[in-house]
Protein backbone atom coordinates (compact mmCIF):
# COMPACT_ATOMS: atom_id res chain seq x y z
CA MET A 1 -10.48 35.10 -18.07
CA LYS A 2 -14.17 34.22 -15.52
CA PHE A 3 -14.25 32.46 -12.29
CA ASN A 4 -18.10 31.72 -11.58
CA ALA A 5 -17.94 28.05 -12.82
CA SER A 6 -19.28 25.35 -10.26
CA PHE A 7 -17.22 24.32 -6.96
CA ASP A 8 -17.76 20.84 -6.04
CA SER A 9 -16.35 20.83 -2.25
CA MET A 10 -15.68 17.18 -2.26
CA ASP A 11 -13.57 17.33 -5.59
CA PRO A 12 -12.71 21.37 -5.22
CA LEU A 13 -9.93 21.54 -8.49
CA LYS A 14 -11.86 18.71 -10.40
CA LEU A 15 -9.68 15.94 -10.51
CA GLN A 16 -12.96 14.12 -11.98
CA THR A 17 -12.87 15.86 -15.09
CA SER A 18 -9.06 14.95 -15.76
CA LEU A 19 -9.84 11.18 -15.71
CA ARG A 20 -10.76 9.41 -18.18
CA ALA A 21 -14.19 7.10 -18.95
CA ASP A 22 -12.13 3.57 -17.98
CA GLU A 23 -10.78 5.69 -14.78
CA ILE A 24 -13.92 6.48 -13.40
CA ASN A 25 -15.94 3.47 -14.33
CA ILE A 26 -12.94 1.08 -12.89
CA GLN A 27 -13.22 3.99 -9.70
CA ILE A 28 -17.12 3.20 -9.44
CA GLN A 29 -16.59 -0.25 -9.67
CA VAL A 30 -13.99 -0.62 -6.64
CA ARG A 31 -15.88 1.12 -4.73
CA ASP A 32 -19.31 0.07 -5.02
CA PHE A 33 -18.06 -3.63 -4.55
CA ALA A 34 -15.81 -2.44 -1.81
CA ASN A 35 -18.64 -0.58 -0.01
CA LYS A 36 -21.11 -4.18 -0.80
CA GLU A 37 -18.40 -7.01 0.06
CA LEU A 38 -15.46 -5.48 1.84
CA LYS A 39 -16.72 -2.65 4.33
CA PRO A 40 -19.01 -5.08 6.29
CA LEU A 41 -15.47 -7.37 6.92
CA ILE A 42 -13.92 -4.47 8.63
CA GLN A 43 -15.41 -3.67 12.38
CA ASP A 44 -14.65 -7.63 12.98
CA GLY A 45 -11.29 -7.90 11.20
CA PHE A 46 -10.42 -5.06 12.66
CA PHE A 47 -11.15 -6.02 16.50
CA ASN A 48 -10.19 -9.94 15.82
CA GLU A 49 -7.84 -10.40 13.05
CA ASN A 50 -9.95 -12.89 11.42
CA GLN A 51 -11.25 -11.86 7.90
CA GLY A 52 -7.31 -11.86 5.90
CA VAL A 53 -8.63 -14.65 4.05
CA ASN A 54 -12.40 -13.32 3.33
CA VAL A 55 -10.74 -9.90 1.91
CA LEU A 56 -8.26 -11.97 -0.22
CA SER A 57 -11.12 -14.19 -1.34
CA LYS A 58 -13.25 -11.42 -2.66
CA LEU A 59 -10.76 -8.68 -3.99
CA GLY A 60 -9.24 -11.75 -5.86
CA GLU A 61 -12.88 -11.87 -7.29
CA LEU A 62 -12.17 -8.66 -9.60
CA LYS A 63 -8.80 -9.22 -10.90
CA ILE A 64 -7.18 -6.39 -10.28
CA PHE A 65 -4.37 -7.15 -8.36
CA GLY A 66 -1.90 -6.99 -10.80
CA GLY A 67 -2.56 -3.40 -11.56
CA GLU A 68 -1.06 -2.72 -15.04
CA LEU A 69 -0.68 -6.44 -15.53
CA ALA A 70 -4.02 -7.57 -14.92
CA VAL A 71 -5.16 -7.60 -17.96
CA ASN A 72 -2.45 -10.05 -19.59
CA TYR A 73 -3.94 -12.20 -16.71
CA GLY A 74 -7.70 -11.74 -17.21
CA GLY A 75 -8.29 -8.51 -15.49
CA PRO A 76 -9.02 -5.26 -16.76
CA VAL A 77 -7.37 -2.56 -18.66
CA ILE A 78 -5.65 -0.43 -15.40
CA SER A 79 -3.82 2.35 -15.81
CA PRO A 80 -1.68 3.69 -13.83
CA VAL A 81 -4.12 6.56 -12.59
CA ALA A 82 -7.12 3.83 -12.26
CA TYR A 83 -4.39 2.12 -10.02
CA GLY A 84 -4.23 5.00 -7.84
CA LEU A 85 -7.83 5.34 -7.91
CA ILE A 86 -8.42 1.81 -6.46
CA ALA A 87 -6.03 1.87 -4.46
CA TYR A 88 -7.62 5.00 -2.59
CA GLU A 89 -11.00 3.77 -2.89
CA LEU A 90 -9.96 0.76 -1.19
CA GLU A 91 -8.04 2.86 1.99
CA LYS A 92 -11.21 5.19 2.70
CA ILE A 93 -12.75 1.71 3.91
CA ASP A 94 -9.47 0.71 5.57
CA SER A 95 -5.38 0.58 5.09
CA GLY A 96 -5.34 -3.03 5.37
CA LEU A 97 -7.22 -3.50 2.19
CA ARG A 98 -5.10 -1.45 -0.21
CA THR A 99 -2.14 -2.99 1.54
CA VAL A 100 -3.73 -6.58 0.33
CA MET A 101 -3.72 -5.00 -3.09
CA SER A 102 0.02 -3.94 -2.98
CA VAL A 103 1.45 -6.63 -1.24
CA MET A 104 -0.16 -8.97 -4.01
CA GLY A 105 0.16 -7.02 -6.87
CA SER A 106 2.65 -4.19 -7.00
CA LEU A 107 5.53 -6.20 -4.85
CA ALA A 108 5.11 -9.89 -5.88
CA MET A 109 3.41 -9.96 -8.74
CA LYS A 110 5.51 -7.41 -10.28
CA SER A 111 8.64 -9.40 -9.02
CA ILE A 112 7.78 -11.64 -11.09
CA ALA A 113 6.70 -10.23 -14.39
CA LEU A 114 9.85 -7.99 -13.91
CA PHE A 115 12.31 -10.61 -12.80
CA GLY A 116 10.84 -14.30 -13.70
CA SER A 117 11.22 -16.37 -16.71
CA ALA A 118 8.69 -17.26 -18.91
CA GLU A 119 7.62 -20.52 -16.78
CA GLN A 120 7.57 -19.11 -13.42
CA LYS A 121 5.09 -15.71 -14.87
CA THR A 122 2.95 -18.17 -16.53
CA LYS A 123 2.60 -20.46 -13.77
CA TYR A 124 2.20 -17.81 -11.18
CA LEU A 125 1.02 -14.88 -12.47
CA GLU A 126 -2.81 -15.47 -13.64
CA LEU A 127 -3.49 -17.30 -10.00
CA LEU A 128 -2.04 -14.16 -8.25
CA ASN A 129 -4.25 -11.79 -9.85
CA ALA A 130 -7.61 -13.74 -9.50
CA GLY A 131 -6.19 -14.62 -5.14
CA LYS A 132 -6.06 -18.10 -6.05
CA LEU A 133 -2.73 -17.76 -5.53
CA VAL A 134 -1.50 -15.57 -2.05
CA ALA A 135 2.25 -14.30 -2.32
CA SER A 136 3.92 -11.92 0.38
CA PHE A 137 7.13 -10.15 -0.51
CA ALA A 138 10.27 -10.78 2.12
CA LEU A 139 12.80 -7.70 1.89
CA THR A 140 12.56 -6.65 5.48
CA GLU A 141 14.23 -8.46 8.15
CA PRO A 142 14.41 -8.19 12.16
CA GLU A 143 17.59 -6.19 12.40
CA HIS A 144 17.17 -3.98 8.55
CA GLY A 145 14.56 -2.22 7.77
CA SER A 146 15.59 1.32 6.43
CA ASP A 147 19.25 0.37 6.48
CA ILE A 148 18.39 -2.51 4.20
CA ALA A 149 21.72 -2.77 2.53
CA GLY A 150 22.72 -4.67 5.34
CA LEU A 151 19.97 -7.64 5.03
CA GLU A 152 21.74 -10.56 6.03
CA THR A 153 19.69 -13.17 5.15
CA THR A 154 21.69 -15.35 2.64
CA ALA A 155 21.52 -17.83 -0.05
CA ARG A 156 24.59 -19.77 -1.02
CA LYS A 157 24.83 -21.88 -4.09
CA THR A 158 24.57 -25.58 -4.06
CA THR A 159 24.85 -28.49 -7.00
CA ASN A 160 21.25 -28.27 -6.88
CA GLY A 161 20.31 -24.54 -6.26
CA TYR A 162 20.61 -22.45 -3.29
CA LEU A 163 20.51 -22.73 0.67
CA ILE A 164 18.60 -20.12 1.94
CA ASN A 165 19.00 -19.28 6.00
CA GLY A 166 18.53 -16.25 7.34
CA SER A 167 14.61 -14.36 9.02
CA LYS A 168 12.21 -11.64 7.44
CA ARG A 169 10.01 -9.56 10.05
CA TRP A 170 6.56 -7.68 9.20
CA ILE A 171 6.04 -9.48 6.07
CA GLY A 172 2.69 -8.68 4.66
CA LEU A 173 0.07 -11.79 3.96
CA ALA A 174 2.95 -14.49 5.10
CA PRO A 175 1.06 -16.25 7.17
CA TYR A 176 -1.42 -17.57 4.20
CA ALA A 177 1.22 -17.02 1.63
CA ASN A 178 1.58 -20.25 -0.79
CA ILE A 179 4.72 -18.39 -2.31
CA ILE A 180 6.55 -15.81 -0.67
CA ILE A 181 9.37 -13.99 -2.88
CA THR A 182 12.30 -14.16 -0.57
CA TRP A 183 15.13 -11.29 -1.17
CA ALA A 184 18.86 -13.04 0.17
CA ARG A 185 22.53 -12.21 -0.70
CA CYS A 186 23.94 -15.08 -2.74
CA ASP A 187 27.91 -15.83 -2.11
CA ASP A 188 28.85 -12.87 -4.78
CA ASN A 189 27.74 -10.19 -2.61
CA ILE A 190 24.74 -9.39 -4.78
CA VAL A 191 20.96 -9.37 -3.49
CA ARG A 192 18.79 -11.63 -5.74
CA GLY A 193 14.81 -12.70 -5.51
CA PHE A 194 13.24 -16.45 -4.81
CA ILE A 195 10.27 -17.74 -5.21
CA VAL A 196 9.86 -20.45 -1.86
CA GLU A 197 6.96 -22.12 -1.66
CA LYS A 198 5.39 -22.75 1.49
CA GLY A 199 5.82 -26.09 2.97
CA ILE A 200 9.39 -26.48 2.13
CA PRO A 201 11.50 -27.97 4.76
CA GLY A 202 12.85 -25.30 7.21
CA LEU A 203 10.61 -22.21 6.78
CA SER A 204 8.32 -21.37 9.20
CA ILE A 205 6.48 -18.35 9.64
CA THR A 206 4.56 -16.92 12.68
CA PRO A 207 2.04 -14.39 12.62
CA ILE A 208 2.90 -11.29 14.65
CA THR A 209 0.09 -10.47 17.05
CA ASN A 210 -1.22 -7.98 19.37
CA LYS A 211 -0.79 -5.11 16.98
CA ILE A 212 -2.81 -1.59 17.38
CA SER A 213 -2.41 -1.31 13.98
CA LEU A 214 -3.19 -2.71 10.33
CA ARG A 215 -5.41 -5.19 12.20
CA VAL A 216 -7.39 -6.55 9.03
CA ALA A 217 -3.70 -6.88 6.95
CA VAL A 218 -1.75 -10.08 8.58
CA GLN A 219 2.19 -9.72 8.79
CA GLY A 220 4.46 -12.38 10.48
CA GLU A 221 8.02 -13.62 11.05
CA ILE A 222 9.53 -15.56 8.71
CA HIS A 223 12.44 -18.04 9.39
CA TYR A 224 14.44 -19.93 6.43
CA ASN A 225 16.31 -22.59 8.60
CA ASN A 226 18.42 -24.35 5.37
CA VAL A 227 15.98 -23.71 3.09
CA GLU A 228 16.91 -26.15 0.04
CA VAL A 229 15.54 -24.81 -3.45
CA ASP A 230 16.10 -25.37 -6.36
CA GLU A 231 17.37 -23.14 -9.60
CA SER A 232 14.17 -23.04 -11.30
CA SER A 233 13.21 -20.86 -7.66
CA LEU A 234 15.73 -17.78 -8.28
CA LEU A 235 14.49 -14.66 -10.64
CA PRO A 236 16.92 -15.27 -13.34
CA LEU A 237 16.85 -11.36 -14.12
CA SER A 238 16.98 -9.94 -10.02
CA ASN A 239 20.20 -8.37 -9.71
CA GLY A 240 20.82 -6.49 -6.74
CA LEU A 241 19.03 -4.21 -4.30
CA GLY A 242 17.68 -2.21 -7.15
CA SER A 243 15.41 -4.45 -8.05
CA ALA A 244 13.20 -5.10 -4.93
CA PHE A 245 13.01 -1.16 -4.66
CA SER A 246 12.01 -0.78 -8.54
CA CYS A 247 8.76 -3.06 -6.88
CA LEU A 248 8.80 -0.48 -3.58
CA ASN A 249 8.81 2.28 -5.64
CA TYR A 250 5.03 0.63 -7.74
CA ALA A 251 3.86 0.13 -4.50
CA ARG A 252 4.84 3.61 -2.82
CA TYR A 253 2.86 4.83 -5.87
CA GLY A 254 -0.58 3.53 -4.92
CA ILE A 255 -0.24 4.29 -1.51
CA ALA A 256 0.32 7.77 -1.82
CA TRP A 257 -3.19 7.68 -3.69
CA GLY A 258 -4.75 5.30 -0.52
CA ALA A 259 -3.27 7.50 2.24
CA LEU A 260 -5.53 10.26 0.93
CA GLY A 261 -8.70 8.04 0.60
CA ALA A 262 -8.42 7.44 4.67
CA ALA A 263 -8.14 11.25 4.95
CA GLN A 264 -11.03 12.19 2.78
CA ALA A 265 -12.86 8.97 5.06
CA CYS A 266 -12.00 10.89 8.06
CA PHE A 267 -12.97 14.60 6.64
CA GLU A 268 -16.02 13.52 5.55
CA GLU A 269 -16.63 12.10 8.98
CA ALA A 270 -15.43 15.30 10.66
CA LEU A 271 -17.83 17.30 8.38
CA ASN A 272 -21.45 15.32 9.02
CA TYR A 273 -20.33 15.15 12.58
CA VAL A 274 -19.49 18.65 13.18
CA LYS A 275 -23.02 20.18 11.36
CA THR A 276 -25.39 18.10 13.75
CA ARG A 277 -23.15 18.41 16.72
CA LYS A 278 -24.20 21.41 19.24
CA ALA A 279 -22.05 23.38 21.17
CA PHE A 280 -22.86 26.53 23.43
CA GLY A 281 -26.22 26.51 21.10
CA VAL A 282 -24.94 25.88 17.84
CA PRO A 283 -23.45 23.74 15.76
CA LEU A 284 -19.84 23.24 15.56
CA ALA A 285 -19.57 23.96 12.03
CA ALA A 286 -20.59 27.52 12.84
CA LYS A 287 -17.08 28.36 14.56
CA GLN A 288 -14.02 29.79 13.24
CA MET A 289 -11.81 27.02 14.61
CA ILE A 290 -13.68 24.18 13.30
CA GLN A 291 -14.14 25.89 9.82
CA GLU A 292 -10.37 26.53 9.82
CA LYS A 293 -9.32 22.59 10.09
CA LEU A 294 -12.24 21.81 7.52
CA ALA A 295 -10.47 24.24 5.12
CA ILE A 296 -7.22 23.38 5.64
CA MET A 297 -7.74 19.61 5.40
CA GLN A 298 -10.32 20.22 1.97
CA ILE A 299 -6.91 21.93 0.74
CA GLU A 300 -4.21 19.26 1.76
CA ILE A 301 -6.11 16.90 0.23
CA ALA A 302 -7.63 18.45 -3.35
CA ILE A 303 -3.73 19.48 -3.80
CA GLY A 304 -2.08 15.93 -2.78
CA LEU A 305 -4.36 14.38 -5.26
CA ASN A 306 -3.71 16.04 -8.21
CA ALA A 307 0.01 15.58 -7.17
CA CYS A 308 -0.62 11.91 -7.56
CA LEU A 309 -2.93 12.60 -10.55
CA GLN A 310 -0.10 14.23 -12.42
CA VAL A 311 2.52 11.76 -11.33
CA GLY A 312 0.56 8.87 -12.59
CA ARG A 313 -0.06 10.96 -15.76
CA LEU A 314 3.82 11.12 -16.36
CA LEU A 315 4.09 7.19 -15.67
CA GLU A 316 2.05 6.76 -18.81
CA THR A 317 4.62 8.48 -20.45
CA ASN A 318 8.05 7.12 -18.98
CA GLN A 319 8.30 10.51 -17.15
CA ALA A 320 8.40 9.91 -13.22
CA SER A 321 11.06 9.89 -11.24
CA PHE A 322 12.08 7.92 -7.98
CA TYR A 323 12.10 11.49 -6.67
CA MET A 324 8.63 11.84 -7.47
CA ILE A 325 7.26 8.88 -5.53
CA ASN A 326 9.73 9.81 -2.34
CA LEU A 327 7.60 13.28 -2.31
CA LEU A 328 4.69 11.82 -3.26
CA LYS A 329 4.00 9.57 -0.63
CA TYR A 330 5.86 11.59 2.32
CA ASN A 331 3.42 14.01 1.53
CA SER A 332 0.23 11.43 1.46
CA THR A 333 1.03 9.91 4.34
CA VAL A 334 2.18 12.63 7.04
CA LYS A 335 -0.72 14.87 5.63
CA ALA A 336 -3.39 12.44 5.85
CA LEU A 337 -2.34 11.41 9.52
CA GLU A 338 -2.59 14.86 10.65
CA ILE A 339 -5.68 15.32 9.01
CA ALA A 340 -6.89 11.98 10.70
CA ARG A 341 -5.19 13.53 14.09
CA THR A 342 -7.56 16.69 13.64
CA ALA A 343 -10.46 15.05 12.57
CA ARG A 344 -10.40 12.75 15.70
CA ASP A 345 -10.05 15.66 18.06
CA MET A 346 -12.82 17.15 16.16
CA LEU A 347 -14.90 14.41 17.59
CA GLY A 348 -13.83 14.83 20.93
CA GLY A 349 -14.38 12.05 23.08
CA ASN A 350 -16.59 10.57 20.03
CA GLY A 351 -13.31 10.28 17.93
CA ILE A 352 -12.26 6.93 19.59
CA LEU A 353 -15.25 4.99 19.02
CA GLU A 354 -15.16 2.44 16.01
CA GLU A 355 -18.28 3.33 14.54
CA ASN A 356 -16.97 7.08 13.87
CA ASN A 357 -13.82 4.95 11.72
CA ILE A 358 -11.53 7.95 12.48
CA MET A 359 -8.99 6.29 15.14
CA ARG A 360 -9.19 3.26 13.39
CA HIS A 361 -7.83 5.17 10.49
CA MET A 362 -5.79 7.02 12.66
CA VAL A 363 -3.63 3.92 14.05
CA ASN A 364 -3.51 2.65 10.29
CA LEU A 365 -1.68 5.91 9.01
CA GLU A 366 0.58 5.90 11.85
CA SER A 367 1.91 2.53 10.35
CA VAL A 368 1.64 3.43 6.64
CA VAL A 369 3.48 6.69 6.98
CA THR A 370 6.29 4.40 8.54
CA TYR A 371 6.24 1.27 6.21
CA GLU A 372 7.53 1.06 2.09
CA GLY A 373 10.19 4.04 3.18
CA THR A 374 9.45 6.04 6.52
CA ARG A 375 8.94 9.87 6.28
CA ASP A 376 12.20 10.74 7.10
CA ILE A 377 14.22 7.62 4.42
CA HIS A 378 12.33 10.00 1.83
CA LEU A 379 13.40 13.29 3.60
CA LEU A 380 16.89 11.85 3.42
CA THR A 381 16.29 11.22 -0.47
CA LEU A 382 15.30 14.14 -1.77
CA GLY A 383 17.65 16.03 0.30
CA ARG A 384 20.37 13.99 -1.13
CA GLU A 385 18.98 15.02 -4.49
CA LEU A 386 18.81 18.42 -3.58
CA THR A 387 22.63 19.26 -2.02
CA GLY A 388 24.73 15.94 -3.54
CA PHE A 389 25.33 14.64 -0.02
CA SER A 390 24.23 11.70 1.78
CA ALA A 391 22.70 11.88 5.03
CA PHE A 392 21.79 8.53 6.18
């Protein structure tokens, strides 16, 4: 047993050695594309909330929205680990980029792929994978977030289809959406999914403005006032909230990777800064407290990424558990937010400048730690599994 191998401080546990060639290639492709085509949009998008359409269009060029589905619709082969690496590279630039991918693929396309009819798949999935159509996933309501079991939006059976009434809030991409995957309670009290197309009478969408977080990815509030859809709008295999939750699990897996991309960006920004910034006659990097903070960042990111890798490999062989996703999303998002806060502090006043990126990542992560399942919900889910008692 020897311990004299090389050590890479940016990949301390040699994650890259565990990746296949196709995974490395797609990571490099997405990294290069994102830095060239997407990064220049971020500052304007963050301050003016005006780059959502451009981000969607440019990401669509890669034909990767569908993740593992992409290969069936003109895109590359994307393993679960490759999907995670894509999320990591996008969120290293901005959480809004990964949010766009999550909504389009893990939520909207997955809903149609898992629960839609053959006709629905043919009509929508190829266009969605290329970003030629935009979709949103409407589950959260003004009065129901974590307690979505109380969902109030209804779909009453009519002679020709269904009549939908209710409201949804914090719906990603809603203002741009051509179709909205709408989750509503049917006459038999079972929640099912419906594809609601833009422009249908009774449907109104209002952008949520004045956000301080996730300004590159737009959200909206949706109102359904006697929206009448025909029978073909129903996702025929959807059956209860479990259907919606299965899509959320795919999104949460991507979030776990993505949040660590944001953390890595903050870590690198802080590391570069403290090497050149001097205090009391020496670089900040020469101070014990600074080195401690940097080492902790390095450790948390490395361990988090290797946990994501492990679950990604388990997903390939259908050995992953819903509880693993809760564990990953909690760990990655909570640790990433703490890393961003620490990095901001290390830069002092300069940490709040947009040009240093950290403050933008920090406020984005305040949302990421909350959506698709809050930190507390993940802990309660794991606690229920540990003890056998529900504390919700």
